[in-house]
Amino acid sequence: MSKPQDPKDPDIQGEGNYDATRRYDKAATDFVKSGKVEQAARDARPKNEAEAEALRKAEQEGKSHAKGEDPALRKGS
C-alpha cells in the first residue's frame, strides 16, 4: 500500500510539484514584465508559407482529438 504524498516533499512531480509551479509562475511573470513578449511573438512567427501550413495542419490534428471548445474561452466576448 502506498503512503499519501506530502505536498512539501521536493520529489513530488506533476500536478503535485508546488515548488515547480511557483518557479514557473515567477518565471512567466518575470518574462512578461521584461518587455520581451512582443519580440518573442515576432520571433515565433512562421518563417515561410510551408511552415505556416504545417502549423495549421498540426492545429487541426490537435483539434480533431478535442472534446470541444472550453466554454470559458467565450466569456466576455
PDB file of N, CA and C in Angstrom:
ATOM      1  N   MET A   1       0.852  -1.177   0.000  1.00  0.00           N
ATOM      2  CA  MET A   1       0.000   0.000   0.000  1.00  0.00           C
ATOM      3  C   MET A   1       0.895   1.236   0.000  1.00  0.00           C
ATOM      4  N   SER A   2       0.582   2.183  -0.870  1.00  0.00           N
ATOM      5  CA  SER A   2       1.412   3.382  -0.947  1.00  0.00           C
ATOM      6  C   SER A   2       0.927   4.424   0.056  1.00  0.00           C
ATOM      7  N   LYS A   3       1.882   5.198   0.546  1.00  0.00           N
ATOM      8  CA  LYS A   3       1.535   6.243   1.510  1.00  0.00           C
ATOM      9  C   LYS A   3       1.135   7.510   0.761  1.00  0.00           C
ATOM     10  N   PRO A   4       0.278   8.349   1.354  1.00  0.00           N
ATOM     11  CA  PRO A   4      -0.100   9.603   0.694  1.00  0.00           C
ATOM     12  C   PRO A   4       1.119  10.493   0.525  1.00  0.00           C
ATOM     13  N   GLN A   5       1.127  11.266  -0.546  1.00  0.00           N
ATOM     14  CA  GLN A   5       2.253  12.157  -0.802  1.00  0.00           C
ATOM     15  C   GLN A   5       2.125  13.428   0.014  1.00  0.00           C
ATOM     16  N   ASP A   6       3.242  13.844   0.554  1.00  0.00           N
ATOM     17  CA  ASP A   6       3.316  15.091   1.323  1.00  0.00           C
ATOM     18  C   ASP A   6       3.565  16.233   0.347  1.00  0.00           C
ATOM     19  N   PRO A   7       2.672  17.260   0.300  1.00  0.00           N
ATOM     20  CA  PRO A   7       2.869  18.352  -0.652  1.00  0.00           C
ATOM     21  C   PRO A   7       4.176  19.109  -0.460  1.00  0.00           C
ATOM     22  N   LYS A   8       4.836  18.957   0.689  1.00  0.00           N
ATOM     23  CA  LYS A   8       6.112  19.642   0.923  1.00  0.00           C
ATOM     24  C   LYS A   8       7.299  18.798   0.467  1.00  0.00           C
ATOM     25  N   ASP A   9       7.040  17.577   0.021  1.00  0.00           N
ATOM     26  CA  ASP A   9       8.094  16.681  -0.451  1.00  0.00           C
ATOM     27  C   ASP A   9       8.652  17.226  -1.764  1.00  0.00           C
ATOM     28  N   PRO A  10       9.950  17.578  -1.828  1.00  0.00           N
ATOM     29  CA  PRO A  10      10.517  18.173  -3.046  1.00  0.00           C
ATOM     30  C   PRO A  10      10.567  17.211  -4.224  1.00  0.00           C
ATOM     31  N   ASP A  11      10.371  15.926  -3.974  1.00  0.00           N
ATOM     32  CA  ASP A  11      10.443  14.950  -5.057  1.00  0.00           C
ATOM     33  C   ASP A  11       9.110  14.738  -5.774  1.00  0.00           C
ATOM     34  N   ILE A  12       8.046  15.354  -5.301  1.00  0.00           N
ATOM     35  CA  ILE A  12       6.756  15.189  -5.949  1.00  0.00           C
ATOM     36  C   ILE A  12       6.814  15.868  -7.313  1.00  0.00           C
ATOM     37  N   GLN A  13       6.321  15.181  -8.326  1.00  0.00           N
ATOM     38  CA  GLN A  13       6.338  15.720  -9.684  1.00  0.00           C
ATOM     39  C   GLN A  13       4.918  15.860 -10.208  1.00  0.00           C
ATOM     40  N   GLY A  14       4.788  16.490 -11.354  1.00  0.00           N
ATOM     41  CA  GLY A  14       3.479  16.651 -11.974  1.00  0.00           C
ATOM     42  C   GLY A  14       2.670  17.704 -11.260  1.00  0.00           C
ATOM     43  N   GLU A  15       1.371  17.484 -11.169  1.00  0.00           N
ATOM     44  CA  GLU A  15       0.488  18.474 -10.566  1.00  0.00           C
ATOM     45  C   GLU A  15       0.769  18.676  -9.093  1.00  0.00           C
ATOM     46  N   GLY A  16       1.464  17.738  -8.479  1.00  0.00           N
ATOM     47  CA  GLY A  16       1.753  17.856  -7.059  1.00  0.00           C
ATOM     48  C   GLY A  16       3.030  18.612  -6.747  1.00  0.00           C
ATOM     49  N   ASN A  17       3.765  19.041  -7.751  1.00  0.00           N
ATOM     50  CA  ASN A  17       5.025  19.725  -7.505  1.00  0.00           C
ATOM     51  C   ASN A  17       4.774  21.225  -7.359  1.00  0.00           C
ATOM     52  N   TYR A  18       4.409  21.612  -6.145  1.00  0.00           N
ATOM     53  CA  TYR A  18       4.043  23.001  -5.883  1.00  0.00           C
ATOM     54  C   TYR A  18       5.211  23.954  -6.065  1.00  0.00           C
ATOM     55  N   ASP A  19       6.408  23.508  -5.725  1.00  0.00           N
ATOM     56  CA  ASP A  19       7.578  24.362  -5.887  1.00  0.00           C
ATOM     57  C   ASP A  19       7.820  24.653  -7.369  1.00  0.00           C
ATOM     58  N   ALA A  20       7.671  23.641  -8.206  1.00  0.00           N
ATOM     59  CA  ALA A  20       7.846  23.844  -9.648  1.00  0.00           C
ATOM     60  C   ALA A  20       6.789  24.801 -10.181  1.00  0.00           C
ATOM     61  N   THR A  21       5.586  24.704  -9.671  1.00  0.00           N
ATOM     62  CA  THR A  21       4.520  25.616 -10.091  1.00  0.00           C
ATOM     63  C   THR A  21       4.863  27.048  -9.727  1.00  0.00           C
ATOM     64  N   ARG A  22       5.366  27.255  -8.519  1.00  0.00           N
ATOM     65  CA  ARG A  22       5.754  28.608  -8.102  1.00  0.00           C
ATOM     66  C   ARG A  22       6.894  29.136  -8.964  1.00  0.00           C
ATOM     67  N   ARG A  23       7.885  28.281  -9.259  1.00  0.00           N
ATOM     68  CA  ARG A  23       9.003  28.718 -10.104  1.00  0.00           C
ATOM     69  C   ARG A  23       8.517  29.086 -11.498  1.00  0.00           C
ATOM     70  N   TYR A  24       7.623  28.275 -12.059  1.00  0.00           N
ATOM     71  CA  TYR A  24       7.083  28.565 -13.391  1.00  0.00           C
ATOM     72  C   TYR A  24       6.313  29.884 -13.381  1.00  0.00           C
ATOM     73  N   ASP A  25       5.435  30.056 -12.398  1.00  0.00           N
ATOM     74  CA  ASP A  25       4.646  31.287 -12.308  1.00  0.00           C
ATOM     75  C   ASP A  25       5.543  32.513 -12.203  1.00  0.00           C
ATOM     76  N   LYS A  26       6.596  32.425 -11.407  1.00  0.00           N
ATOM     77  CA  LYS A  26       7.515  33.555 -11.251  1.00  0.00           C
ATOM     78  C   LYS A  26       8.249  33.829 -12.560  1.00  0.00           C
ATOM     79  N   ALA A  27       8.715  32.769 -13.221  1.00  0.00           N
ATOM     80  CA  ALA A  27       9.431  32.948 -14.483  1.00  0.00           C
ATOM     81  C   ALA A  27       8.518  33.559 -15.546  1.00  0.00           C
ATOM     82  N   ALA A  28       7.267  33.104 -15.607  1.00  0.00           N
ATOM     83  CA  ALA A  28       6.332  33.651 -16.586  1.00  0.00           C
ATOM     84  C   ALA A  28       6.042  35.117 -16.289  1.00  0.00           C
ATOM     85  N   THR A  29       5.831  35.443 -15.022  1.00  0.00           N
ATOM     86  CA  THR A  29       5.579  36.830 -14.631  1.00  0.00           C
ATOM     87  C   THR A  29       6.789  37.709 -14.938  1.00  0.00           C
ATOM     88  N   ASP A  30       7.973  37.217 -14.611  1.00  0.00           N
ATOM     89  CA  ASP A  30       9.197  37.973 -14.892  1.00  0.00           C
ATOM     90  C   ASP A  30       9.368  38.217 -16.390  1.00  0.00           C
ATOM     91  N   PHE A  31       9.046  37.202 -17.204  1.00  0.00           N
ATOM     92  CA  PHE A  31       9.171  37.343 -18.657  1.00  0.00           C
ATOM     93  C   PHE A  31       8.220  38.419 -19.178  1.00  0.00           C
ATOM     94  N   VAL A  32       6.983  38.397 -18.708  1.00  0.00           N
ATOM     95  CA  VAL A  32       6.019  39.413 -19.143  1.00  0.00           C
ATOM     96  C   VAL A  32       6.493  40.804 -18.748  1.00  0.00           C
ATOM     97  N   LYS A  33       6.994  40.934 -17.535  1.00  0.00           N
ATOM     98  CA  LYS A  33       7.468  42.236 -17.055  1.00  0.00           C
ATOM     99  C   LYS A  33       8.742  42.695 -17.775  1.00  0.00           C
ATOM    100  N   SER A  34       9.464  41.763 -18.388  1.00  0.00           N
ATOM    101  CA  SER A  34      10.734  42.101 -19.036  1.00  0.00           C
ATOM    102  C   SER A  34      10.553  42.944 -20.293  1.00  0.00           C
ATOM    103  N   GLY A  35       9.344  42.932 -20.849  1.00  0.00           N
ATOM    104  CA  GLY A  35       9.112  43.678 -22.080  1.00  0.00           C
ATOM    105  C   GLY A  35       9.549  42.940 -23.330  1.00  0.00           C
ATOM    106  N   LYS A  36       9.853  41.666 -23.218  1.00  0.00           N
ATOM    107  CA  LYS A  36      10.348  40.899 -24.365  1.00  0.00           C
ATOM    108  C   LYS A  36       9.267  40.067 -25.052  1.00  0.00           C
ATOM    109  N   VAL A  37       8.016  40.227 -24.642  1.00  0.00           N
ATOM    110  CA  VAL A  37       6.935  39.391 -25.180  1.00  0.00           C
ATOM    111  C   VAL A  37       6.710  39.662 -26.661  1.00  0.00           C
ATOM    112  N   GLU A  38       6.632  40.929 -27.051  1.00  0.00           N
ATOM    113  CA  GLU A  38       6.373  41.263 -28.458  1.00  0.00           C
ATOM    114  C   GLU A  38       7.465  40.711 -29.372  1.00  0.00           C
ATOM    115  N   GLN A  39       8.718  40.861 -28.963  1.00  0.00           N
ATOM    116  CA  GLN A  39       9.820  40.344 -29.780  1.00  0.00           C
ATOM    117  C   GLN A  39       9.755  38.826 -29.864  1.00  0.00           C
ATOM    118  N   ALA A  40       9.445  38.165 -28.761  1.00  0.00           N
ATOM    119  CA  ALA A  40       9.336  36.703 -28.769  1.00  0.00           C
ATOM    120  C   ALA A  40       8.207  36.260 -29.696  1.00  0.00           C
ATOM    121  N   ALA A  41       7.097  37.004 -29.691  1.00  0.00           N
ATOM    122  CA  ALA A  41       5.981  36.672 -30.578  1.00  0.00           C
ATOM    123  C   ALA A  41       6.400  36.835 -32.040  1.00  0.00           C
ATOM    124  N   ARG A  42       7.117  37.894 -32.333  1.00  0.00           N
ATOM    125  CA  ARG A  42       7.607  38.083 -33.712  1.00  0.00           C
ATOM    126  C   ARG A  42       8.563  36.969 -34.103  1.00  0.00           C
ATOM    127  N   ASP A  43       9.442  36.605 -33.197  1.00  0.00           N
ATOM    128  CA  ASP A  43      10.417  35.542 -33.485  1.00  0.00           C
ATOM    129  C   ASP A  43       9.751  34.182 -33.687  1.00  0.00           C
ATOM    130  N   ALA A  44       8.571  33.993 -33.104  1.00  0.00           N
ATOM    131  CA  ALA A  44       7.881  32.703 -33.183  1.00  0.00           C
ATOM    132  C   ALA A  44       7.025  32.558 -34.438  1.00  0.00           C
ATOM    133  N   ARG A  45       6.882  33.638 -35.190  1.00  0.00           N
ATOM    134  CA  ARG A  45       6.065  33.561 -36.412  1.00  0.00           C
ATOM    135  C   ARG A  45       6.642  32.533 -37.370  1.00  0.00           C
ATOM    136  N   PRO A  46       5.765  31.931 -38.185  1.00  0.00           N
ATOM    137  CA  PRO A  46       6.275  31.002 -39.211  1.00  0.00           C
ATOM    138  C   PRO A  46       7.244  31.737 -40.148  1.00  0.00           C
ATOM    139  N   LYS A  47       8.294  31.061 -40.535  1.00  0.00           N
ATOM    140  CA  LYS A  47       9.329  31.672 -41.379  1.00  0.00           C
ATOM    141  C   LYS A  47       8.923  31.721 -42.850  1.00  0.00           C
ATOM    142  N   ASN A  48       7.987  30.822 -43.243  1.00  0.00           N
ATOM    143  CA  ASN A  48       7.549  30.785 -44.638  1.00  0.00           C
ATOM    144  C   ASN A  48       6.173  30.123 -44.702  1.00  0.00           C
ATOM    145  N   GLU A  49       5.601  30.072 -45.891  1.00  0.00           N
ATOM    146  CA  GLU A  49       4.247  29.521 -46.054  1.00  0.00           C
ATOM    147  C   GLU A  49       4.208  28.021 -45.730  1.00  0.00           C
ATOM    148  N   ALA A  50       5.272  27.292 -46.041  1.00  0.00           N
ATOM    149  CA  ALA A  50       5.299  25.857 -45.740  1.00  0.00           C
ATOM    150  C   ALA A  50       5.234  25.628 -44.223  1.00  0.00           C
ATOM    151  N   GLU A  51       5.963  26.427 -43.471  1.00  0.00           N
ATOM    152  CA  GLU A  51       5.937  26.306 -42.017  1.00  0.00           C
ATOM    153  C   GLU A  51       4.556  26.695 -41.473  1.00  0.00           C
ATOM    154  N   ALA A  52       3.965  27.741 -42.053  1.00  0.00           N
ATOM    155  CA  ALA A  52       2.627  28.167 -41.634  1.00  0.00           C
ATOM    156  C   ALA A  52       1.609  27.058 -41.902  1.00  0.00           C
ATOM    157  N   GLU A  53       1.717  26.404 -43.033  1.00  0.00           N
ATOM    158  CA  GLU A  53       0.792  25.308 -43.360  1.00  0.00           C
ATOM    159  C   GLU A  53       0.990  24.133 -42.411  1.00  0.00           C
ATOM    160  N   ALA A  54       2.227  23.828 -42.070  1.00  0.00           N
ATOM    161  CA  ALA A  54       2.495  22.736 -41.119  1.00  0.00           C
ATOM    162  C   ALA A  54       1.868  23.048 -39.758  1.00  0.00           C
ATOM    163  N   LEU A  55       1.951  24.308 -39.345  1.00  0.00           N
ATOM    164  CA  LEU A  55       1.337  24.704 -38.068  1.00  0.00           C
ATOM    165  C   LEU A  55      -0.182  24.595 -38.125  1.00  0.00           C
ATOM    166  N   ARG A  56      -0.788  24.993 -39.260  1.00  0.00           N
ATOM    167  CA  ARG A  56      -2.247  24.869 -39.411  1.00  0.00           C
ATOM    168  C   ARG A  56      -2.677  23.398 -39.351  1.00  0.00           C
ATOM    169  N   LYS A  57      -1.921  22.535 -40.020  1.00  0.00           N
ATOM    170  CA  LYS A  57      -2.242  21.104 -40.004  1.00  0.00           C
ATOM    171  C   LYS A  57      -2.112  20.539 -38.589  1.00  0.00           C
ATOM    172  N   ALA A  58      -1.075  20.933 -37.887  1.00  0.00           N
ATOM    173  CA  ALA A  58      -0.881  20.456 -36.514  1.00  0.00           C
ATOM    174  C   ALA A  58      -2.026  20.931 -35.625  1.00  0.00           C
ATOM    175  N   GLU A  59      -2.472  22.159 -35.820  1.00  0.00           N
ATOM    176  CA  GLU A  59      -3.587  22.680 -35.031  1.00  0.00           C
ATOM    177  C   GLU A  59      -4.858  21.884 -35.314  1.00  0.00           C
ATOM    178  N   GLN A  60      -5.130  21.624 -36.572  1.00  0.00           N
ATOM    179  CA  GLN A  60      -6.321  20.839 -36.927  1.00  0.00           C
ATOM    180  C   GLN A  60      -6.244  19.431 -36.358  1.00  0.00           C
ATOM    181  N   GLU A  61      -5.063  18.831 -36.408  1.00  0.00           N
ATOM    182  CA  GLU A  61      -4.887  17.489 -35.832  1.00  0.00           C
ATOM    183  C   GLU A  61      -5.187  17.512 -34.343  1.00  0.00           C
ATOM    184  N   GLY A  62      -4.673  18.506 -33.652  1.00  0.00           N
ATOM    185  CA  GLY A  62      -4.942  18.616 -32.222  1.00  0.00           C
ATOM    186  C   GLY A  62      -6.418  18.824 -31.943  1.00  0.00           C
ATOM    187  N   LYS A  63      -7.054  19.681 -32.725  1.00  0.00           N
ATOM    188  CA  LYS A  63      -8.481  19.940 -32.535  1.00  0.00           C
ATOM    189  C   LYS A  63      -9.319  18.704 -32.817  1.00  0.00           C
ATOM    190  N   SER A  64      -8.852  17.852 -33.713  1.00  0.00           N
ATOM    191  CA  SER A  64      -9.629  16.655 -34.047  1.00  0.00           C
ATOM    192  C   SER A  64      -9.705  15.688 -32.871  1.00  0.00           C
ATOM    193  N   HIS A  65      -8.817  15.832 -31.911  1.00  0.00           N
ATOM    194  CA  HIS A  65      -8.819  14.970 -30.728  1.00  0.00           C
ATOM    195  C   HIS A  65      -9.547  15.606 -29.547  1.00  0.00           C
ATOM    196  N   ALA A  66      -9.941  16.854 -29.697  1.00  0.00           N
ATOM    197  CA  ALA A  66     -10.560  17.584 -28.594  1.00  0.00           C
ATOM    198  C   ALA A  66     -12.020  17.185 -28.427  1.00  0.00           C
ATOM    199  N   LYS A  67     -12.504  17.312 -27.210  1.00  0.00           N
ATOM    200  CA  LYS A  67     -13.911  17.024 -26.920  1.00  0.00           C
ATOM    201  C   LYS A  67     -14.791  18.225 -27.252  1.00  0.00           C
ATOM    202  N   GLY A  68     -14.196  19.353 -27.468  1.00  0.00           N
ATOM    203  CA  GLY A  68     -14.935  20.575 -27.766  1.00  0.00           C
ATOM    204  C   GLY A  68     -14.238  21.757 -27.153  1.00  0.00           C
ATOM    205  N   GLU A  69     -14.658  22.917 -27.545  1.00  0.00           N
ATOM    206  CA  GLU A  69     -14.028  24.130 -27.029  1.00  0.00           C
ATOM    207  C   GLU A  69     -14.506  24.403 -25.617  1.00  0.00           C
ATOM    208  N   ASP A  70     -13.612  24.892 -24.805  1.00  0.00           N
ATOM    209  CA  ASP A  70     -13.936  25.246 -23.424  1.00  0.00           C
ATOM    210  C   ASP A  70     -14.849  26.461 -23.431  1.00  0.00           C
ATOM    211  N   PRO A  71     -16.071  26.339 -22.873  1.00  0.00           N
ATOM    212  CA  PRO A  71     -16.994  27.476 -22.861  1.00  0.00           C
ATOM    213  C   PRO A  71     -16.421  28.696 -22.139  1.00  0.00           C
ATOM    214  N   ALA A  72     -15.495  28.502 -21.240  1.00  0.00           N
ATOM    215  CA  ALA A  72     -14.888  29.615 -20.516  1.00  0.00           C
ATOM    216  C   ALA A  72     -14.133  30.546 -21.445  1.00  0.00           C
ATOM    217  N   LEU A  73     -13.704  30.040 -22.607  1.00  0.00           N
ATOM    218  CA  LEU A  73     -12.988  30.868 -23.569  1.00  0.00           C
ATOM    219  C   LEU A  73     -13.896  31.917 -24.195  1.00  0.00           C
ATOM    220  N   ARG A  74     -15.173  31.711 -24.159  1.00  0.00           N
ATOM    221  CA  ARG A  74     -16.128  32.619 -24.785  1.00  0.00           C
ATOM    222  C   ARG A  74     -16.702  33.651 -23.815  1.00  0.00           C
ATOM    223  N   LYS A  75     -16.339  33.558 -22.547  1.00  0.00           N
ATOM    224  CA  LYS A  75     -16.859  34.515 -21.569  1.00  0.00           C
ATOM    225  C   LYS A  75     -16.374  35.915 -21.921  1.00  0.00           C
ATOM    226  N   GLY A  76     -17.277  36.872 -21.834  1.00  0.00           N
ATOM    227  CA  GLY A  76     -16.922  38.273 -22.057  1.00  0.00           C
ATOM    228  C   GLY A  76     -16.800  38.671 -23.505  1.00  0.00           C
ATOM    229  N   SER A  77     -17.041  37.746 -24.427  1.00  0.00           N
ATOM    230  CA  SER A  77     -16.934  38.136 -25.841  1.00  0.00           C
ATOM    231  C   SER A  77     -18.286  38.347 -26.461  1.00  0.00           C
TER     232      SER A  77
END
